[in-house]
Amino acid sequence: MQTTHGVKKIPRDYSGKWLVLFSHPGDFTPVCTTEFVGFQKRIADFQQLGCELIGLSIDQVFSHMKWVEWIKENLEEKITFPIIADDMGAVARKLGMLHPEKGSNTVRAVFIVDGKGIVRSIFYYPQEVGRDIDEILRCVSALQTADKNKVATPANWPDNELIQDHVIIPPAKDQTAAEQNKKLYECYDWWFCHKKI
């Protein structure tokens, strides 16, 4: 695929790394501009998780390049991640990024892909609503934490109203394990145990 950083082969070029692939309706639009600045301001946080960013729209690469230049000159933010120029719409159609009611613009989709190239989470936002970049970052961190520790994360983790930054132990599959979990972890009941990691 042609990008602002040359041709990229996805997911091959990102093997072993997590990837956030996100589409935007169009270059030189206000909501998209705020999102790109938001992603760029948090790029170090994504990279600390071994996660790369890549944008996409059906605009041509020349438009992407000019828009990135405009952002740097006018908003003093250099966009350092690549943007796919899906000007024929092949990727957008394949991934369901085109909304039939919104013409040919791509929707605000987000695909979180793990280091094995497996799509782990998908978000869709309407054109009128900008993304919450911190939530996307939180989701990457939560998925990695769940994978590494064989646990689940609660709502609003790591600031959950019930168990704060603890993670949830998978429910026991038999009575012996249920009794053991109650001895090993903090529990509301045998099926709701948690721990700090």
N, C-alpha and C. Protein backbone atom coordinates (compact mmCIF):
# COMPACT_ATOMS: atom_id res chain seq x y z
N MET A 1 0.83 -1.18 0.00
CA MET A 1 0.00 0.00 0.00
C MET A 1 0.88 1.25 0.00
N GLN A 2 0.46 2.21 -0.77
CA GLN A 2 1.20 3.47 -0.83
C GLN A 2 0.87 4.31 0.40
N THR A 3 1.91 4.79 1.08
CA THR A 3 1.72 5.65 2.24
C THR A 3 2.61 6.87 2.11
N THR A 4 2.46 7.78 3.04
CA THR A 4 3.33 8.96 3.07
C THR A 4 4.77 8.59 3.42
N HIS A 5 5.01 7.37 3.86
CA HIS A 5 6.36 6.88 4.16
C HIS A 5 6.79 5.79 3.18
N GLY A 6 6.23 5.82 1.98
CA GLY A 6 6.56 4.81 0.98
C GLY A 6 5.59 3.63 1.03
N VAL A 7 5.93 2.58 0.32
CA VAL A 7 5.06 1.41 0.24
C VAL A 7 5.20 0.59 1.52
N LYS A 8 4.04 0.22 2.10
CA LYS A 8 4.01 -0.61 3.30
C LYS A 8 3.21 -1.87 3.01
N LYS A 9 3.70 -2.99 3.53
CA LYS A 9 2.97 -4.25 3.44
C LYS A 9 2.47 -4.58 4.84
N ILE A 10 1.15 -4.57 4.97
CA ILE A 10 0.52 -4.79 6.27
C ILE A 10 -0.17 -6.15 6.26
N PRO A 11 0.04 -7.01 7.26
CA PRO A 11 0.75 -6.74 8.51
C PRO A 11 2.23 -7.09 8.49
N ARG A 12 2.76 -7.59 7.36
CA ARG A 12 4.13 -8.09 7.32
C ARG A 12 5.16 -7.09 7.85
N ASP A 13 5.06 -5.83 7.44
CA ASP A 13 6.05 -4.84 7.86
C ASP A 13 5.97 -4.53 9.36
N TYR A 14 4.90 -4.97 10.01
CA TYR A 14 4.72 -4.70 11.43
C TYR A 14 4.77 -5.98 12.25
N SER A 15 5.35 -7.02 11.70
CA SER A 15 5.42 -8.31 12.39
C SER A 15 6.09 -8.17 13.75
N GLY A 16 5.44 -8.71 14.76
CA GLY A 16 5.97 -8.64 16.12
C GLY A 16 5.59 -7.37 16.86
N LYS A 17 4.99 -6.42 16.17
CA LYS A 17 4.56 -5.17 16.81
C LYS A 17 3.03 -5.09 16.79
N TRP A 18 2.51 -4.41 17.77
CA TRP A 18 1.09 -4.09 17.75
C TRP A 18 0.90 -2.91 16.81
N LEU A 19 -0.30 -2.79 16.28
CA LEU A 19 -0.59 -1.76 15.29
C LEU A 19 -1.99 -1.19 15.53
N VAL A 20 -2.08 0.13 15.49
CA VAL A 20 -3.39 0.79 15.46
C VAL A 20 -3.55 1.37 14.07
N LEU A 21 -4.45 0.77 13.31
CA LEU A 21 -4.79 1.25 11.96
C LEU A 21 -6.10 2.01 12.08
N PHE A 22 -6.08 3.27 11.70
CA PHE A 22 -7.30 4.07 11.85
C PHE A 22 -7.59 4.85 10.57
N SER A 23 -8.86 4.87 10.21
CA SER A 23 -9.27 5.60 9.01
C SER A 23 -9.93 6.92 9.41
N HIS A 24 -9.83 7.87 8.51
CA HIS A 24 -10.46 9.17 8.75
C HIS A 24 -11.21 9.58 7.49
N PRO A 25 -12.31 10.36 7.65
CA PRO A 25 -13.12 10.72 6.48
C PRO A 25 -12.38 11.50 5.40
N GLY A 26 -11.48 12.39 5.78
CA GLY A 26 -10.79 13.14 4.74
C GLY A 26 -9.74 14.08 5.28
N ASP A 27 -8.73 14.34 4.45
CA ASP A 27 -7.71 15.33 4.78
C ASP A 27 -8.34 16.72 4.81
N PHE A 28 -7.68 17.64 5.47
CA PHE A 28 -8.11 19.04 5.53
C PHE A 28 -9.54 19.17 6.06
N THR A 29 -9.85 18.37 7.09
CA THR A 29 -11.14 18.49 7.77
C THR A 29 -10.84 18.70 9.26
N PRO A 30 -11.67 19.48 9.94
CA PRO A 30 -11.32 19.88 11.31
C PRO A 30 -11.26 18.75 12.33
N VAL A 31 -12.27 17.86 12.36
CA VAL A 31 -12.27 16.79 13.36
C VAL A 31 -11.07 15.86 13.13
N CYS A 32 -10.83 15.51 11.88
CA CYS A 32 -9.69 14.63 11.55
C CYS A 32 -8.37 15.27 11.96
N THR A 33 -8.26 16.57 11.78
CA THR A 33 -7.04 17.27 12.15
C THR A 33 -6.80 17.16 13.65
N THR A 34 -7.87 17.34 14.44
CA THR A 34 -7.72 17.23 15.90
C THR A 34 -7.31 15.81 16.29
N GLU A 35 -7.82 14.81 15.57
CA GLU A 35 -7.47 13.43 15.87
C GLU A 35 -6.01 13.14 15.55
N PHE A 36 -5.55 13.61 14.41
CA PHE A 36 -4.15 13.36 14.03
C PHE A 36 -3.19 14.02 15.02
N VAL A 37 -3.51 15.23 15.44
CA VAL A 37 -2.68 15.88 16.45
C VAL A 37 -2.73 15.09 17.75
N GLY A 38 -3.91 14.60 18.12
CA GLY A 38 -4.06 13.80 19.34
C GLY A 38 -3.25 12.52 19.29
N PHE A 39 -3.31 11.80 18.16
CA PHE A 39 -2.51 10.58 18.01
C PHE A 39 -1.02 10.90 18.10
N GLN A 40 -0.61 11.97 17.41
CA GLN A 40 0.81 12.32 17.41
C GLN A 40 1.30 12.68 18.81
N LYS A 41 0.50 13.41 19.57
CA LYS A 41 0.91 13.82 20.92
C LYS A 41 1.08 12.61 21.85
N ARG A 42 0.44 11.49 21.51
CA ARG A 42 0.53 10.30 22.36
C ARG A 42 1.35 9.18 21.72
N ILE A 43 2.05 9.49 20.63
CA ILE A 43 2.76 8.44 19.90
C ILE A 43 3.82 7.74 20.77
N ALA A 44 4.48 8.48 21.64
CA ALA A 44 5.49 7.86 22.51
C ALA A 44 4.84 6.85 23.45
N ASP A 45 3.62 7.13 23.90
CA ASP A 45 2.90 6.20 24.78
C ASP A 45 2.55 4.91 24.03
N PHE A 46 2.12 5.04 22.78
CA PHE A 46 1.84 3.86 21.96
C PHE A 46 3.13 3.07 21.72
N GLN A 47 4.18 3.76 21.36
CA GLN A 47 5.44 3.09 21.06
C GLN A 47 6.04 2.40 22.28
N GLN A 48 5.80 2.95 23.46
CA GLN A 48 6.26 2.32 24.69
C GLN A 48 5.60 0.94 24.87
N LEU A 49 4.41 0.77 24.28
CA LEU A 49 3.70 -0.51 24.32
C LEU A 49 4.06 -1.39 23.12
N GLY A 50 5.05 -0.96 22.32
CA GLY A 50 5.42 -1.72 21.12
C GLY A 50 4.36 -1.63 20.06
N CYS A 51 3.65 -0.51 20.02
CA CYS A 51 2.51 -0.32 19.12
C CYS A 51 2.77 0.84 18.17
N GLU A 52 2.58 0.59 16.88
CA GLU A 52 2.76 1.62 15.86
C GLU A 52 1.40 2.14 15.41
N LEU A 53 1.40 3.35 14.86
CA LEU A 53 0.19 3.98 14.33
C LEU A 53 0.28 4.07 12.82
N ILE A 54 -0.87 3.90 12.16
CA ILE A 54 -0.93 4.15 10.73
C ILE A 54 -2.34 4.63 10.38
N GLY A 55 -2.41 5.77 9.69
CA GLY A 55 -3.69 6.32 9.29
C GLY A 55 -4.08 5.87 7.89
N LEU A 56 -5.32 6.15 7.51
CA LEU A 56 -5.81 5.77 6.19
C LEU A 56 -7.01 6.63 5.81
N SER A 57 -7.03 7.05 4.56
CA SER A 57 -8.26 7.58 3.96
C SER A 57 -8.16 7.35 2.46
N ILE A 58 -9.23 7.68 1.77
CA ILE A 58 -9.23 7.46 0.32
C ILE A 58 -8.63 8.65 -0.44
N ASP A 59 -8.06 9.59 0.27
CA ASP A 59 -7.35 10.69 -0.38
C ASP A 59 -6.06 10.18 -1.01
N GLN A 60 -5.57 10.91 -1.98
CA GLN A 60 -4.30 10.55 -2.62
C GLN A 60 -3.12 10.91 -1.72
N VAL A 61 -1.99 10.28 -1.97
CA VAL A 61 -0.81 10.51 -1.14
C VAL A 61 -0.38 11.97 -1.17
N PHE A 62 -0.59 12.65 -2.28
CA PHE A 62 -0.21 14.07 -2.39
C PHE A 62 -1.03 14.92 -1.43
N SER A 63 -2.30 14.58 -1.29
CA SER A 63 -3.17 15.29 -0.35
C SER A 63 -2.71 15.04 1.08
N HIS A 64 -2.40 13.78 1.40
CA HIS A 64 -1.90 13.46 2.73
C HIS A 64 -0.64 14.27 3.04
N MET A 65 0.28 14.30 2.09
CA MET A 65 1.55 15.00 2.30
C MET A 65 1.34 16.49 2.53
N LYS A 66 0.45 17.08 1.76
CA LYS A 66 0.18 18.52 1.90
C LYS A 66 -0.51 18.81 3.23
N TRP A 67 -1.42 17.93 3.64
CA TRP A 67 -2.12 18.10 4.92
C TRP A 67 -1.15 17.98 6.09
N VAL A 68 -0.28 16.98 6.05
CA VAL A 68 0.73 16.81 7.10
C VAL A 68 1.61 18.07 7.17
N GLU A 69 1.96 18.60 6.00
CA GLU A 69 2.75 19.84 5.94
C GLU A 69 1.98 21.00 6.59
N TRP A 70 0.67 21.09 6.28
CA TRP A 70 -0.18 22.16 6.84
C TRP A 70 -0.23 22.05 8.37
N ILE A 71 -0.39 20.81 8.88
CA ILE A 71 -0.44 20.61 10.33
C ILE A 71 0.85 21.08 10.98
N LYS A 72 1.98 20.74 10.38
CA LYS A 72 3.27 21.15 10.94
C LYS A 72 3.42 22.67 10.94
N GLU A 73 3.06 23.30 9.82
CA GLU A 73 3.24 24.75 9.69
C GLU A 73 2.27 25.55 10.55
N ASN A 74 1.05 25.07 10.67
CA ASN A 74 0.01 25.85 11.34
C ASN A 74 -0.25 25.43 12.79
N LEU A 75 -0.01 24.17 13.11
CA LEU A 75 -0.29 23.68 14.46
C LEU A 75 0.97 23.24 15.20
N GLU A 76 2.11 23.36 14.52
CA GLU A 76 3.42 23.03 15.09
C GLU A 76 3.48 21.60 15.63
N GLU A 77 2.88 20.68 14.88
CA GLU A 77 2.91 19.26 15.25
C GLU A 77 3.33 18.47 14.02
N LYS A 78 4.46 17.79 14.12
CA LYS A 78 4.96 17.00 13.00
C LYS A 78 4.37 15.58 13.09
N ILE A 79 3.61 15.18 12.10
CA ILE A 79 3.01 13.85 12.06
C ILE A 79 4.10 12.87 11.60
N THR A 80 4.47 11.95 12.47
CA THR A 80 5.59 11.06 12.18
C THR A 80 5.17 9.64 11.80
N PHE A 81 3.88 9.35 11.83
CA PHE A 81 3.41 8.02 11.44
C PHE A 81 2.90 8.07 10.00
N PRO A 82 2.93 6.94 9.30
CA PRO A 82 2.49 6.94 7.90
C PRO A 82 0.97 7.01 7.76
N ILE A 83 0.55 7.50 6.60
CA ILE A 83 -0.88 7.55 6.25
C ILE A 83 -1.05 6.83 4.91
N ILE A 84 -1.92 5.82 4.91
CA ILE A 84 -2.18 5.07 3.68
C ILE A 84 -3.04 5.90 2.74
N ALA A 85 -2.63 5.93 1.47
CA ALA A 85 -3.42 6.58 0.42
C ALA A 85 -4.23 5.49 -0.28
N ASP A 86 -5.42 5.24 0.23
CA ASP A 86 -6.30 4.19 -0.32
C ASP A 86 -7.22 4.82 -1.36
N ASP A 87 -6.61 5.49 -2.35
CA ASP A 87 -7.40 6.29 -3.29
C ASP A 87 -8.35 5.48 -4.16
N MET A 88 -8.15 4.19 -4.28
CA MET A 88 -9.09 3.34 -5.01
C MET A 88 -10.12 2.70 -4.06
N GLY A 89 -9.91 2.87 -2.76
CA GLY A 89 -10.86 2.38 -1.77
C GLY A 89 -10.83 0.88 -1.52
N ALA A 90 -9.80 0.19 -2.01
CA ALA A 90 -9.75 -1.27 -1.88
C ALA A 90 -9.67 -1.71 -0.42
N VAL A 91 -8.80 -1.09 0.36
CA VAL A 91 -8.64 -1.46 1.77
C VAL A 91 -9.90 -1.07 2.55
N ALA A 92 -10.39 0.14 2.29
CA ALA A 92 -11.57 0.63 3.00
C ALA A 92 -12.78 -0.28 2.76
N ARG A 93 -12.97 -0.74 1.54
CA ARG A 93 -14.09 -1.66 1.26
C ARG A 93 -13.89 -2.99 1.96
N LYS A 94 -12.67 -3.51 1.91
CA LYS A 94 -12.37 -4.82 2.51
C LYS A 94 -12.59 -4.81 4.02
N LEU A 95 -12.26 -3.71 4.68
CA LEU A 95 -12.36 -3.62 6.13
C LEU A 95 -13.66 -2.97 6.62
N GLY A 96 -14.58 -2.68 5.71
CA GLY A 96 -15.86 -2.10 6.12
C GLY A 96 -15.74 -0.68 6.62
N MET A 97 -14.85 0.10 5.99
CA MET A 97 -14.63 1.48 6.42
C MET A 97 -15.46 2.50 5.64
N LEU A 98 -16.27 2.04 4.71
CA LEU A 98 -17.10 2.96 3.93
C LEU A 98 -18.55 2.85 4.39
N HIS A 99 -19.16 3.96 4.74
CA HIS A 99 -20.54 3.98 5.19
C HIS A 99 -21.43 4.30 3.99
N PRO A 100 -22.42 3.45 3.69
CA PRO A 100 -23.25 3.67 2.50
C PRO A 100 -24.01 4.99 2.50
N GLU A 101 -24.25 5.56 3.66
CA GLU A 101 -24.99 6.83 3.74
C GLU A 101 -24.09 8.06 3.71
N LYS A 102 -22.78 7.85 3.71
CA LYS A 102 -21.85 8.98 3.81
C LYS A 102 -21.00 9.18 2.56
N GLY A 103 -21.47 8.72 1.42
CA GLY A 103 -20.71 8.90 0.19
C GLY A 103 -19.49 8.01 0.17
N SER A 104 -18.40 8.54 -0.37
CA SER A 104 -17.19 7.72 -0.52
C SER A 104 -16.17 7.96 0.60
N ASN A 105 -16.52 8.79 1.58
CA ASN A 105 -15.59 9.04 2.69
C ASN A 105 -15.49 7.82 3.60
N THR A 106 -14.28 7.58 4.09
CA THR A 106 -14.12 6.52 5.07
C THR A 106 -14.68 6.97 6.42
N VAL A 107 -15.21 6.00 7.18
CA VAL A 107 -15.70 6.30 8.51
C VAL A 107 -14.52 6.40 9.47
N ARG A 108 -14.79 6.75 10.72
CA ARG A 108 -13.74 6.79 11.74
C ARG A 108 -13.62 5.40 12.37
N ALA A 109 -12.90 4.53 11.70
CA ALA A 109 -12.70 3.17 12.21
C ALA A 109 -11.33 3.05 12.86
N VAL A 110 -11.23 2.17 13.84
CA VAL A 110 -9.96 1.88 14.50
C VAL A 110 -9.83 0.36 14.61
N PHE A 111 -8.72 -0.16 14.11
CA PHE A 111 -8.43 -1.59 14.22
C PHE A 111 -7.17 -1.73 15.07
N ILE A 112 -7.29 -2.44 16.19
CA ILE A 112 -6.11 -2.75 17.01
C ILE A 112 -5.67 -4.16 16.64
N VAL A 113 -4.43 -4.26 16.15
CA VAL A 113 -3.89 -5.53 15.65
C VAL A 113 -2.71 -5.92 16.53
N ASP A 114 -2.67 -7.18 16.96
CA ASP A 114 -1.58 -7.60 17.83
C ASP A 114 -0.33 -7.98 17.04
N GLY A 115 0.71 -8.37 17.74
CA GLY A 115 1.99 -8.67 17.12
C GLY A 115 1.97 -9.88 16.20
N LYS A 116 0.90 -10.67 16.25
CA LYS A 116 0.75 -11.83 15.35
C LYS A 116 -0.10 -11.49 14.14
N GLY A 117 -0.52 -10.23 14.03
CA GLY A 117 -1.33 -9.80 12.90
C GLY A 117 -2.81 -10.10 13.07
N ILE A 118 -3.24 -10.36 14.29
CA ILE A 118 -4.65 -10.68 14.56
C ILE A 118 -5.37 -9.42 15.04
N VAL A 119 -6.51 -9.12 14.40
CA VAL A 119 -7.31 -7.97 14.82
C VAL A 119 -7.94 -8.31 16.17
N ARG A 120 -7.65 -7.49 17.17
CA ARG A 120 -8.12 -7.76 18.53
C ARG A 120 -9.27 -6.87 18.96
N SER A 121 -9.40 -5.71 18.35
CA SER A 121 -10.48 -4.80 18.73
C SER A 121 -10.79 -3.89 17.55
N ILE A 122 -12.07 -3.55 17.41
CA ILE A 122 -12.51 -2.64 16.35
C ILE A 122 -13.44 -1.61 16.97
N PHE A 123 -13.19 -0.35 16.67
CA PHE A 123 -14.06 0.74 17.08
C PHE A 123 -14.59 1.44 15.82
N TYR A 124 -15.84 1.85 15.85
CA TYR A 124 -16.39 2.70 14.79
C TYR A 124 -17.00 3.93 15.43
N TYR A 125 -16.65 5.08 14.89
CA TYR A 125 -17.20 6.35 15.36
C TYR A 125 -17.92 7.01 14.19
N PRO A 126 -18.99 7.74 14.45
CA PRO A 126 -19.64 8.49 13.37
C PRO A 126 -18.75 9.65 12.94
N GLN A 127 -18.99 10.16 11.74
CA GLN A 127 -18.18 11.26 11.22
C GLN A 127 -18.22 12.47 12.14
N GLU A 128 -19.32 12.66 12.83
CA GLU A 128 -19.50 13.86 13.63
C GLU A 128 -18.82 13.80 15.00
N VAL A 129 -18.28 12.64 15.37
CA VAL A 129 -17.71 12.47 16.72
C VAL A 129 -16.25 12.07 16.63
N GLY A 130 -15.37 12.89 17.17
CA GLY A 130 -13.95 12.57 17.18
C GLY A 130 -13.63 11.46 18.17
N ARG A 131 -12.57 10.75 17.90
CA ARG A 131 -12.17 9.62 18.74
C ARG A 131 -11.57 10.06 20.07
N ASP A 132 -11.64 9.17 21.05
CA ASP A 132 -10.97 9.36 22.33
C ASP A 132 -9.65 8.59 22.24
N ILE A 133 -8.57 9.30 21.96
CA ILE A 133 -7.27 8.67 21.75
C ILE A 133 -6.80 7.94 23.01
N ASP A 134 -7.10 8.52 24.16
CA ASP A 134 -6.69 7.88 25.42
C ASP A 134 -7.39 6.53 25.59
N GLU A 135 -8.63 6.40 25.14
CA GLU A 135 -9.34 5.12 25.24
C GLU A 135 -8.71 4.07 24.33
N ILE A 136 -8.26 4.49 23.16
CA ILE A 136 -7.60 3.55 22.25
C ILE A 136 -6.28 3.08 22.87
N LEU A 137 -5.54 4.00 23.45
CA LEU A 137 -4.30 3.66 24.14
C LEU A 137 -4.58 2.72 25.32
N ARG A 138 -5.62 3.03 26.09
CA ARG A 138 -6.01 2.18 27.22
C ARG A 138 -6.37 0.78 26.76
N CYS A 139 -7.05 0.67 25.63
CA CYS A 139 -7.45 -0.64 25.12
C CYS A 139 -6.23 -1.48 24.72
N VAL A 140 -5.25 -0.85 24.07
CA VAL A 140 -4.02 -1.57 23.72
C VAL A 140 -3.35 -2.08 25.00
N SER A 141 -3.20 -1.21 25.99
CA SER A 141 -2.57 -1.58 27.25
C SER A 141 -3.34 -2.69 27.95
N ALA A 142 -4.67 -2.59 27.96
CA ALA A 142 -5.50 -3.61 28.62
C ALA A 142 -5.38 -4.96 27.92
N LEU A 143 -5.38 -4.97 26.59
CA LEU A 143 -5.23 -6.23 25.85
C LEU A 143 -3.87 -6.87 26.14
N GLN A 144 -2.84 -6.06 26.15
CA GLN A 144 -1.51 -6.60 26.44
C GLN A 144 -1.41 -7.13 27.87
N THR A 145 -2.01 -6.42 28.81
CA THR A 145 -2.02 -6.86 30.20
C THR A 145 -2.79 -8.17 30.35
N ALA A 146 -3.93 -8.26 29.69
CA ALA A 146 -4.74 -9.48 29.74
C ALA A 146 -3.98 -10.66 29.15
N ASP A 147 -3.32 -10.44 28.01
CA ASP A 147 -2.55 -11.52 27.37
C ASP A 147 -1.40 -11.99 28.26
N LYS A 148 -0.65 -11.04 28.78
CA LYS A 148 0.55 -11.37 29.55
C LYS A 148 0.23 -12.09 30.85
N ASN A 149 -0.87 -11.69 31.50
CA ASN A 149 -1.19 -12.21 32.83
C ASN A 149 -2.35 -13.20 32.85
N LYS A 150 -2.93 -13.49 31.69
CA LYS A 150 -4.08 -14.42 31.60
C LYS A 150 -5.21 -13.98 32.53
N VAL A 151 -5.56 -12.70 32.42
CA VAL A 151 -6.60 -12.10 33.25
C VAL A 151 -7.53 -11.27 32.35
N ALA A 152 -8.49 -10.62 32.98
CA ALA A 152 -9.35 -9.66 32.29
C ALA A 152 -9.22 -8.32 33.02
N THR A 153 -9.57 -7.25 32.34
CA THR A 153 -9.52 -5.94 32.99
C THR A 153 -10.94 -5.43 33.17
N PRO A 154 -11.22 -4.75 34.28
CA PRO A 154 -12.57 -4.26 34.54
C PRO A 154 -12.87 -2.96 33.79
N ALA A 155 -14.10 -2.51 33.90
CA ALA A 155 -14.51 -1.23 33.31
C ALA A 155 -13.61 -0.12 33.83
N ASN A 156 -13.26 0.78 32.94
CA ASN A 156 -12.46 1.96 33.27
C ASN A 156 -11.08 1.63 33.84
N TRP A 157 -10.62 0.41 33.64
CA TRP A 157 -9.29 0.03 34.15
C TRP A 157 -8.24 0.97 33.57
N PRO A 158 -7.30 1.43 34.35
CA PRO A 158 -6.93 1.03 35.70
C PRO A 158 -7.55 1.86 36.82
N ASP A 159 -8.67 2.50 36.56
CA ASP A 159 -9.33 3.33 37.58
C ASP A 159 -10.76 2.85 37.82
N ASN A 160 -10.91 1.56 38.07
CA ASN A 160 -12.24 1.00 38.26
C ASN A 160 -12.84 1.42 39.61
N GLU A 161 -14.13 1.64 39.61
CA GLU A 161 -14.83 2.11 40.81
C GLU A 161 -14.87 1.06 41.92
N LEU A 162 -14.79 -0.22 41.57
CA LEU A 162 -14.85 -1.28 42.58
C LEU A 162 -13.48 -1.80 43.00
N ILE A 163 -12.62 -2.05 42.01
CA ILE A 163 -11.35 -2.72 42.33
C ILE A 163 -10.12 -1.92 41.91
N GLN A 164 -10.31 -0.66 41.61
CA GLN A 164 -9.22 0.26 41.24
C GLN A 164 -8.37 -0.30 40.10
N ASP A 165 -7.06 -0.50 40.36
CA ASP A 165 -6.16 -0.93 39.28
C ASP A 165 -5.95 -2.45 39.27
N HIS A 166 -6.75 -3.18 40.04
CA HIS A 166 -6.64 -4.64 40.04
C HIS A 166 -7.16 -5.22 38.71
N VAL A 167 -6.77 -6.46 38.46
CA VAL A 167 -7.27 -7.20 37.30
C VAL A 167 -8.14 -8.35 37.79
N ILE A 168 -8.95 -8.87 36.90
CA ILE A 168 -9.92 -9.90 37.27
C ILE A 168 -9.38 -11.29 36.91
N ILE A 169 -9.47 -12.18 37.87
CA ILE A 169 -9.06 -13.57 37.68
C ILE A 169 -10.18 -14.30 36.93
N PRO A 170 -9.86 -15.08 35.91
CA PRO A 170 -10.91 -15.83 35.22
C PRO A 170 -11.68 -16.71 36.21
N PRO A 171 -13.01 -16.80 36.07
CA PRO A 171 -13.81 -17.60 36.99
C PRO A 171 -13.35 -19.06 37.01
N ALA A 172 -13.39 -19.66 38.19
CA ALA A 172 -12.99 -21.05 38.36
C ALA A 172 -13.93 -21.98 37.59
N LYS A 173 -13.37 -23.10 37.14
CA LYS A 173 -14.17 -24.05 36.34
C LYS A 173 -14.66 -25.24 37.15
N ASP A 174 -14.23 -25.31 38.42
CA ASP A 174 -14.75 -26.38 39.28
C ASP A 174 -14.71 -25.89 40.73
N GLN A 175 -15.33 -26.65 41.63
CA GLN A 175 -15.44 -26.22 43.02
C GLN A 175 -14.09 -26.13 43.73
N THR A 176 -13.19 -27.03 43.42
CA THR A 176 -11.88 -26.99 44.07
C THR A 176 -11.14 -25.71 43.71
N ALA A 177 -11.16 -25.37 42.43
CA ALA A 177 -10.50 -24.14 41.98
C ALA A 177 -11.18 -22.91 42.56
N ALA A 178 -12.50 -22.97 42.69
CA ALA A 178 -13.24 -21.84 43.27
C ALA A 178 -12.81 -21.60 44.71
N GLU A 179 -12.68 -22.66 45.48
CA GLU A 179 -12.23 -22.53 46.88
C GLU A 179 -10.79 -22.03 46.94
N GLN A 180 -9.96 -22.52 46.05
CA GLN A 180 -8.56 -22.10 46.00
C GLN A 180 -8.45 -20.61 45.66
N ASN A 181 -9.23 -20.16 44.68
CA ASN A 181 -9.21 -18.75 44.30
C ASN A 181 -9.57 -17.85 45.47
N LYS A 182 -10.54 -18.27 46.26
CA LYS A 182 -10.96 -17.46 47.42
C LYS A 182 -9.85 -17.34 48.45
N LYS A 183 -8.94 -18.30 48.49
CA LYS A 183 -7.81 -18.25 49.41
C LYS A 183 -6.65 -17.42 48.85
N LEU A 184 -6.51 -17.44 47.52
CA LEU A 184 -5.36 -16.79 46.89
C LEU A 184 -5.58 -15.31 46.57
N TYR A 185 -6.82 -14.93 46.30
CA TYR A 185 -7.11 -13.59 45.79
C TYR A 185 -8.15 -12.88 46.64
N GLU A 186 -8.28 -11.60 46.41
CA GLU A 186 -9.39 -10.85 46.98
C GLU A 186 -10.63 -11.20 46.16
N CYS A 187 -11.75 -11.49 46.82
CA CYS A 187 -12.94 -11.92 46.08
C CYS A 187 -14.20 -11.30 46.67
N TYR A 188 -15.12 -10.94 45.78
CA TYR A 188 -16.48 -10.61 46.20
C TYR A 188 -17.28 -11.90 46.36
N ASP A 189 -16.95 -12.86 45.52
CA ASP A 189 -17.55 -14.19 45.55
C ASP A 189 -16.61 -15.09 44.74
N TRP A 190 -16.90 -16.39 44.66
CA TRP A 190 -15.99 -17.32 43.98
C TRP A 190 -15.81 -16.98 42.51
N TRP A 191 -16.81 -16.35 41.89
CA TRP A 191 -16.75 -16.04 40.47
C TRP A 191 -16.23 -14.62 40.19
N PHE A 192 -15.93 -13.86 41.23
CA PHE A 192 -15.48 -12.47 41.06
C PHE A 192 -14.28 -12.23 41.98
N CYS A 193 -13.12 -12.71 41.52
CA CYS A 193 -11.88 -12.53 42.26
C CYS A 193 -10.95 -11.60 41.48
N HIS A 194 -10.11 -10.90 42.22
CA HIS A 194 -9.23 -9.92 41.58
C HIS A 194 -7.92 -9.83 42.31
N LYS A 195 -6.92 -9.26 41.63
CA LYS A 195 -5.61 -9.09 42.24
C LYS A 195 -4.91 -7.90 41.63
N LYS A 196 -3.90 -7.42 42.33
CA LYS A 196 -3.04 -6.36 41.80
C LYS A 196 -1.89 -7.03 41.05
N ILE A 197 -1.49 -6.44 39.95
CA ILE A 197 -0.34 -7.00 39.22
C ILE A 197 0.81 -6.01 39.23
